[in-house]
Amino acid sequence: MSSIFAERLGQGAINAEHYACRVNDLGTHPETELLKVARSIGGPAAWVFTQTGNGLLVQVRLYTGAGVLLDDSNGLAAIRGRIDQDRVPIPVNYQAKGTIAPWHPASAGGRP
């Protein structure tokens, strides 16, 4: 279930602010690794995971490039406001569409 949410999150992120962005997918690495990569490249990050118990629960955590969890005081309220106002990013043309690529630190010199 997490993979469906991660795919949709990535599709939205590639067009952040209507610009072609490259989103790097770390796959199933631990959250600590995600935060380490986010800090090393100075880019925002999203952690998507599924919990089971009393039903299925998918959680999404958004982080700043410094690895700080987003909350209402540092950006989360603005994101919710954009979603509520149906101001989601869309590419203005095919050239403006971003990409999703697997994260390969060895082949990318440690950077995306």
C-alpha atoms as a PDB file:
ATOM      1  CA  MET A   1       0.000   0.000   0.000  1.00  0.00           C
ATOM      2  CA  SER A   2       2.857   2.410   0.774  1.00  0.00           C
ATOM      3  CA  SER A   3       4.179   2.020  -2.757  1.00  0.00           C
ATOM      4  CA  ILE A   4       0.933   3.432  -4.206  1.00  0.00           C
ATOM      5  CA  PHE A   5       1.118   6.493  -1.957  1.00  0.00           C
ATOM      6  CA  ALA A   6       4.848   6.919  -2.652  1.00  0.00           C
ATOM      7  CA  GLU A   7       4.252   6.794  -6.417  1.00  0.00           C
ATOM      8  CA  ARG A   8       1.510   9.437  -6.224  1.00  0.00           C
ATOM      9  CA  LEU A   9       3.619  11.620  -3.935  1.00  0.00           C
ATOM     10  CA  GLY A  10       6.530  11.367  -6.363  1.00  0.00           C
ATOM     11  CA  GLN A  11       4.312  12.258  -9.320  1.00  0.00           C
ATOM     12  CA  GLY A  12       3.251  15.433  -7.520  1.00  0.00           C
ATOM     13  CA  ALA A  13       6.773  16.259  -6.374  1.00  0.00           C
ATOM     14  CA  ILE A  14       8.286  16.125  -9.871  1.00  0.00           C
ATOM     15  CA  ASN A  15       6.292  19.228 -10.727  1.00  0.00           C
ATOM     16  CA  ALA A  16       6.795  21.208  -7.531  1.00  0.00           C
ATOM     17  CA  GLU A  17       5.966  24.855  -8.183  1.00  0.00           C
ATOM     18  CA  HIS A  18       5.346  23.810 -11.829  1.00  0.00           C
ATOM     19  CA  TYR A  19       9.068  23.241 -12.449  1.00  0.00           C
ATOM     20  CA  ALA A  20      10.619  20.037 -13.729  1.00  0.00           C
ATOM     21  CA  CYS A  21      12.155  18.485 -10.632  1.00  0.00           C
ATOM     22  CA  ARG A  22      14.117  15.294 -10.269  1.00  0.00           C
ATOM     23  CA  VAL A  23      12.827  13.079  -7.477  1.00  0.00           C
ATOM     24  CA  ASN A  24      15.146  10.388  -6.195  1.00  0.00           C
ATOM     25  CA  ASP A  25      13.498   7.221  -4.903  1.00  0.00           C
ATOM     26  CA  LEU A  26      15.426   5.439  -2.163  1.00  0.00           C
ATOM     27  CA  GLY A  27      13.092   2.460  -2.273  1.00  0.00           C
ATOM     28  CA  THR A  28      12.794   0.533   0.974  1.00  0.00           C
ATOM     29  CA  HIS A  29      15.693   2.043   2.902  1.00  0.00           C
ATOM     30  CA  PRO A  30      15.202   2.926   6.588  1.00  0.00           C
ATOM     31  CA  GLU A  31      14.035   6.382   7.579  1.00  0.00           C
ATOM     32  CA  THR A  32      17.451   7.138   9.063  1.00  0.00           C
ATOM     33  CA  GLU A  33      19.027   6.615   5.630  1.00  0.00           C
ATOM     34  CA  LEU A  34      16.427   8.883   4.021  1.00  0.00           C
ATOM     35  CA  LEU A  35      17.266  11.675   6.466  1.00  0.00           C
ATOM     36  CA  LYS A  36      21.008  11.150   5.957  1.00  0.00           C
ATOM     37  CA  VAL A  37      20.579  11.544   2.179  1.00  0.00           C
ATOM     38  CA  ALA A  38      18.268  14.559   2.576  1.00  0.00           C
ATOM     39  CA  ARG A  39      20.836  16.309   4.767  1.00  0.00           C
ATOM     40  CA  SER A  40      23.720  15.447   2.451  1.00  0.00           C
ATOM     41  CA  ILE A  41      22.016  16.935  -0.626  1.00  0.00           C
ATOM     42  CA  GLY A  42      20.076  19.650   1.218  1.00  0.00           C
ATOM     43  CA  GLY A  43      16.811  18.561  -0.371  1.00  0.00           C
ATOM     44  CA  PRO A  44      13.380  17.924   1.121  1.00  0.00           C
ATOM     45  CA  ALA A  45      12.331  14.352   1.814  1.00  0.00           C
ATOM     46  CA  ALA A  46       9.195  12.276   2.267  1.00  0.00           C
ATOM     47  CA  TRP A  47       8.935   9.059   4.265  1.00  0.00           C
ATOM     48  CA  VAL A  48       5.967   6.829   3.423  1.00  0.00           C
ATOM     49  CA  PHE A  49       5.212   3.746   5.486  1.00  0.00           C
ATOM     50  CA  THR A  50       2.357   1.387   6.272  1.00  0.00           C
ATOM     51  CA  GLN A  51       1.268   0.182   9.677  1.00  0.00           C
ATOM     52  CA  THR A  52      -1.133  -2.637  10.287  1.00  0.00           C
ATOM     53  CA  GLY A  53      -3.015  -3.503  13.448  1.00  0.00           C
ATOM     54  CA  ASN A  54      -6.543  -2.194  13.759  1.00  0.00           C
ATOM     55  CA  GLY A  55      -6.735  -1.862   9.989  1.00  0.00           C
ATOM     56  CA  LEU A  56      -4.351  -0.427   7.455  1.00  0.00           C
ATOM     57  CA  LEU A  57      -2.767   2.959   8.079  1.00  0.00           C
ATOM     58  CA  VAL A  58      -0.437   4.694   5.625  1.00  0.00           C
ATOM     59  CA  GLN A  59       1.604   7.541   7.072  1.00  0.00           C
ATOM     60  CA  VAL A  60       3.537  10.206   5.202  1.00  0.00           C
ATOM     61  CA  ARG A  61       6.179  12.300   6.952  1.00  0.00           C
ATOM     62  CA  LEU A  62       7.608  15.331   5.166  1.00  0.00           C
ATOM     63  CA  TYR A  63      11.043  16.711   6.035  1.00  0.00           C
ATOM     64  CA  THR A  64      12.994  19.834   5.198  1.00  0.00           C
ATOM     65  CA  GLY A  65      16.380  19.588   3.520  1.00  0.00           C
ATOM     66  CA  ALA A  66      17.911  19.823   6.987  1.00  0.00           C
ATOM     67  CA  GLY A  67      15.995  16.708   8.072  1.00  0.00           C
ATOM     68  CA  VAL A  68      13.487  18.595  10.234  1.00  0.00           C
ATOM     69  CA  LEU A  69       9.977  17.122  10.337  1.00  0.00           C
ATOM     70  CA  LEU A  70       7.470  19.533   8.799  1.00  0.00           C
ATOM     71  CA  ASP A  71       4.719  20.842  11.060  1.00  0.00           C
ATOM     72  CA  ASP A  72       2.340  23.786  10.957  1.00  0.00           C
ATOM     73  CA  SER A  73       5.104  26.221  11.907  1.00  0.00           C
ATOM     74  CA  ASN A  74       7.537  25.339   9.111  1.00  0.00           C
ATOM     75  CA  GLY A  75       5.554  24.562   5.971  1.00  0.00           C
ATOM     76  CA  LEU A  76       2.972  21.845   6.528  1.00  0.00           C
ATOM     77  CA  ALA A  77       0.091  24.315   6.927  1.00  0.00           C
ATOM     78  CA  ALA A  78       1.014  25.965   3.617  1.00  0.00           C
ATOM     79  CA  ILE A  79       1.028  22.589   1.846  1.00  0.00           C
ATOM     80  CA  ARG A  80      -2.374  21.662   3.294  1.00  0.00           C
ATOM     81  CA  GLY A  81      -3.690  25.080   2.236  1.00  0.00           C
ATOM     82  CA  ARG A  82      -2.568  24.546  -1.361  1.00  0.00           C
ATOM     83  CA  ILE A  83      -4.192  21.127  -1.474  1.00  0.00           C
ATOM     84  CA  ASP A  84      -7.394  22.522   0.029  1.00  0.00           C
ATOM     85  CA  GLN A  85      -7.463  25.270  -2.617  1.00  0.00           C
ATOM     86  CA  ASP A  86      -6.770  22.694  -5.357  1.00  0.00           C
ATOM     87  CA  ARG A  87      -3.455  24.382  -6.133  1.00  0.00           C
ATOM     88  CA  VAL A  88      -1.543  21.222  -6.936  1.00  0.00           C
ATOM     89  CA  PRO A  89       1.441  21.395  -9.280  1.00  0.00           C
ATOM     90  CA  ILE A  90       0.959  20.390 -12.886  1.00  0.00           C
ATOM     91  CA  PRO A  91       3.472  20.646 -15.710  1.00  0.00           C
ATOM     92  CA  VAL A  92       2.801  23.489 -18.130  1.00  0.00           C
ATOM     93  CA  ASN A  93       4.170  21.382 -21.020  1.00  0.00           C
ATOM     94  CA  TYR A  94       6.018  18.116 -21.580  1.00  0.00           C
ATOM     95  CA  GLN A  95       9.453  19.744 -21.211  1.00  0.00           C
ATOM     96  CA  ALA A  96       8.414  21.031 -17.777  1.00  0.00           C
ATOM     97  CA  LYS A  97       7.586  17.548 -16.507  1.00  0.00           C
ATOM     98  CA  GLY A  98      10.030  16.247 -13.937  1.00  0.00           C
ATOM     99  CA  THR A  99      11.410  12.741 -13.473  1.00  0.00           C
ATOM    100  CA  ILE A 100      11.603  10.042 -10.811  1.00  0.00           C
ATOM    101  CA  ALA A 101      14.867   8.105 -10.662  1.00  0.00           C
ATOM    102  CA  PRO A 102      16.186   5.419  -8.324  1.00  0.00           C
ATOM    103  CA  TRP A 103      18.784   6.708  -5.852  1.00  0.00           C
ATOM    104  CA  HIS A 104      22.275   5.401  -6.675  1.00  0.00           C
ATOM    105  CA  PRO A 105      24.812   7.203  -4.482  1.00  0.00           C
ATOM    106  CA  ALA A 106      27.796   5.279  -5.848  1.00  0.00           C
ATOM    107  CA  SER A 107      27.073   6.156  -9.451  1.00  0.00           C
ATOM    108  CA  ALA A 108      26.042   9.720  -8.650  1.00  0.00           C
ATOM    109  CA  GLY A 109      29.026  10.674  -6.517  1.00  0.00           C
ATOM    110  CA  GLY A 110      26.808  10.715  -3.423  1.00  0.00           C
ATOM    111  CA  ARG A 111      24.459  13.266  -4.977  1.00  0.00           C
ATOM    112  CA  PRO A 112      21.282  12.872  -7.015  1.00  0.00           C
END
